[in-house]
C-alpha atoms as a PDB file:
ATOM      1  CA  MET A   1       0.000   0.000   0.000  1.00  0.00           C
ATOM      2  CA  SER A   2       1.127   3.547  -0.688  1.00  0.00           C
ATOM      3  CA  SER A   3      -0.138   7.110  -0.669  1.00  0.00           C
ATOM      4  CA  THR A   4       0.134  10.192  -2.859  1.00  0.00           C
ATOM      5  CA  ILE A   5       0.481  13.858  -1.950  1.00  0.00           C
ATOM      6  CA  SER A   6      -0.738  16.370  -4.520  1.00  0.00           C
ATOM      7  CA  GLY A   7      -1.495  20.045  -4.760  1.00  0.00           C
ATOM      8  CA  ASN A   8      -0.906  23.282  -6.598  1.00  0.00           C
ATOM      9  CA  VAL A   9       1.745  25.998  -6.637  1.00  0.00           C
ATOM     10  CA  ALA A  10       0.161  29.434  -7.142  1.00  0.00           C
ATOM     11  CA  SER A  11       2.083  32.007  -9.159  1.00  0.00           C
ATOM     12  CA  PHE A  12       4.471  29.329 -10.350  1.00  0.00           C
ATOM     13  CA  THR A  13       7.274  29.929 -12.790  1.00  0.00           C
ATOM     14  CA  SER A  14       8.023  27.606 -15.677  1.00  0.00           C
ATOM     15  CA  ASN A  15      10.029  24.604 -14.510  1.00  0.00           C
ATOM     16  CA  GLU A  16       8.947  25.184 -10.869  1.00  0.00           C
ATOM     17  CA  ILE A  17      10.154  22.384  -8.600  1.00  0.00           C
ATOM     18  CA  VAL A  18       8.476  21.020  -5.453  1.00  0.00           C
ATOM     19  CA  TYR A  19      10.784  19.310  -2.966  1.00  0.00           C
ATOM     20  CA  ILE A  20       9.901  16.571  -0.479  1.00  0.00           C
ATOM     21  CA  GLN A  21      11.754  15.183   2.536  1.00  0.00           C
ATOM     22  CA  GLU A  22      10.826  12.396   4.930  1.00  0.00           C
ATOM     23  CA  THR A  23      11.287  13.669   8.480  1.00  0.00           C
ATOM     24  CA  GLN A  24      12.941  10.477   9.754  1.00  0.00           C
ATOM     25  CA  GLY A  25      15.749  10.708   7.197  1.00  0.00           C
ATOM     26  CA  GLN A  26      14.450   8.031   4.814  1.00  0.00           C
ATOM     27  CA  ALA A  27      15.843   8.589   1.326  1.00  0.00           C
ATOM     28  CA  LEU A  28      13.170   9.374  -1.241  1.00  0.00           C
ATOM     29  CA  SER A  29      13.348   8.814  -4.942  1.00  0.00           C
ATOM     30  CA  PRO A  30      12.457  11.102  -6.537  1.00  0.00           C
ATOM     31  CA  ALA A  31      12.864  13.878  -3.938  1.00  0.00           C
ATOM     32  CA  THR A  32      11.579  16.518  -6.365  1.00  0.00           C
ATOM     33  CA  THR A  33       8.865  16.884  -8.960  1.00  0.00           C
ATOM     34  CA  GLN A  34       8.169  19.548 -11.552  1.00  0.00           C
ATOM     35  CA  VAL A  35       4.783  21.268 -11.689  1.00  0.00           C
ATOM     36  CA  ASP A  36       2.687  20.834 -14.801  1.00  0.00           C
ATOM     37  CA  GLY A  37       1.395  23.653 -17.013  1.00  0.00           C
ATOM     38  CA  SER A  38      -1.299  24.501 -14.454  1.00  0.00           C
ATOM     39  CA  GLY A  39       1.001  24.470 -11.425  1.00  0.00           C
ATOM     40  CA  ASN A  40      -0.134  21.043 -10.205  1.00  0.00           C
ATOM     41  CA  TYR A  41       2.215  18.440  -8.730  1.00  0.00           C
ATOM     42  CA  THR A  42       2.026  14.888  -7.331  1.00  0.00           C
ATOM     43  CA  PHE A  43       4.323  12.659  -5.304  1.00  0.00           C
ATOM     44  CA  SER A  44       3.277   9.000  -5.398  1.00  0.00           C
ATOM     45  CA  GLY A  45       4.380   5.701  -3.888  1.00  0.00           C
ATOM     46  CA  LEU A  46       4.779   7.179  -0.403  1.00  0.00           C
ATOM     47  CA  THR A  47       4.821   4.925   2.628  1.00  0.00           C
ATOM     48  CA  GLN A  48       3.391   5.759   6.040  1.00  0.00           C
ATOM     49  CA  GLY A  49       5.238   8.684   7.579  1.00  0.00           C
ATOM     50  CA  THR A  50       5.619  12.425   7.935  1.00  0.00           C
ATOM     51  CA  TYR A  51       6.880  14.466   5.009  1.00  0.00           C
ATOM     52  CA  ILE A  52       7.980  18.087   4.575  1.00  0.00           C
ATOM     53  CA  LEU A  53       7.240  19.839   1.265  1.00  0.00           C
ATOM     54  CA  TYR A  54       8.655  23.137   0.041  1.00  0.00           C
ATOM     55  CA  THR A  55       9.158  25.067  -3.182  1.00  0.00           C
ATOM     56  CA  GLN A  56      11.063  28.003  -4.640  1.00  0.00           C
ATOM     57  CA  VAL A  57       7.857  30.077  -4.895  1.00  0.00           C
ATOM     58  CA  ALA A  58       7.516  30.240  -1.105  1.00  0.00           C
ATOM     59  CA  PRO A  59      11.039  29.381   0.136  1.00  0.00           C
ATOM     60  CA  ASN A  60      10.228  30.069   3.781  1.00  0.00           C
ATOM     61  CA  THR A  61       7.013  28.034   3.721  1.00  0.00           C
ATOM     62  CA  PHE A  62       7.333  24.420   4.766  1.00  0.00           C
ATOM     63  CA  ILE A  63       4.239  22.230   4.757  1.00  0.00           C
ATOM     64  CA  GLU A  64       4.223  19.120   6.963  1.00  0.00           C
ATOM     65  CA  VAL A  65       2.059  16.266   5.681  1.00  0.00           C
ATOM     66  CA  ILE A  66       1.347  12.994   7.484  1.00  0.00           C
ATOM     67  CA  VAL A  67       0.329  10.016   5.341  1.00  0.00           C
ATOM     68  CA  ASP A  68      -0.840   6.625   6.536  1.00  0.00           C
ATOM     69  CA  GLY A  69       0.314   4.669   3.505  1.00  0.00           C
ATOM     70  CA  THR A  70      -3.212   3.829   2.377  1.00  0.00           C
ATOM     71  CA  HIS A  71      -4.975   7.160   1.756  1.00  0.00           C
ATOM     72  CA  ASN A  72      -4.095  10.016  -0.575  1.00  0.00           C
ATOM     73  CA  VAL A  73      -3.631  13.613   0.563  1.00  0.00           C
ATOM     74  CA  ALA A  74      -4.798  16.293  -1.877  1.00  0.00           C
ATOM     75  CA  ASN A  75      -4.884  20.102  -1.923  1.00  0.00           C
ATOM     76  CA  VAL A  76      -1.458  20.631  -0.380  1.00  0.00           C
ATOM     77  CA  ASN A  77      -1.176  24.051  -1.986  1.00  0.00           C
ATOM     78  CA  PHE A  78       1.474  26.763  -1.973  1.00  0.00           C
ATOM     79  CA  ALA A  79       0.534  30.458  -2.280  1.00  0.00           C
ATOM     80  CA  LYS A  80       2.964  33.233  -3.058  1.00  0.00           C
END
């Protein structure tokens, strides 16, 4: 079982990157994803745990997301 985290980056620039880290130091692959033409992004295949997401649009904004490994988390959005 695995989960996804998805959302949107407002006021994104072309080639905007969203970064993800697992708070317990587990290596993630990939640890980044590029937004699509509408600013949407998705990380998939995530196991149960706590993750930190951040982006260049809001460099001082860190969003903590807890996933249970079976449910998806949507609308994890960044505003400028």
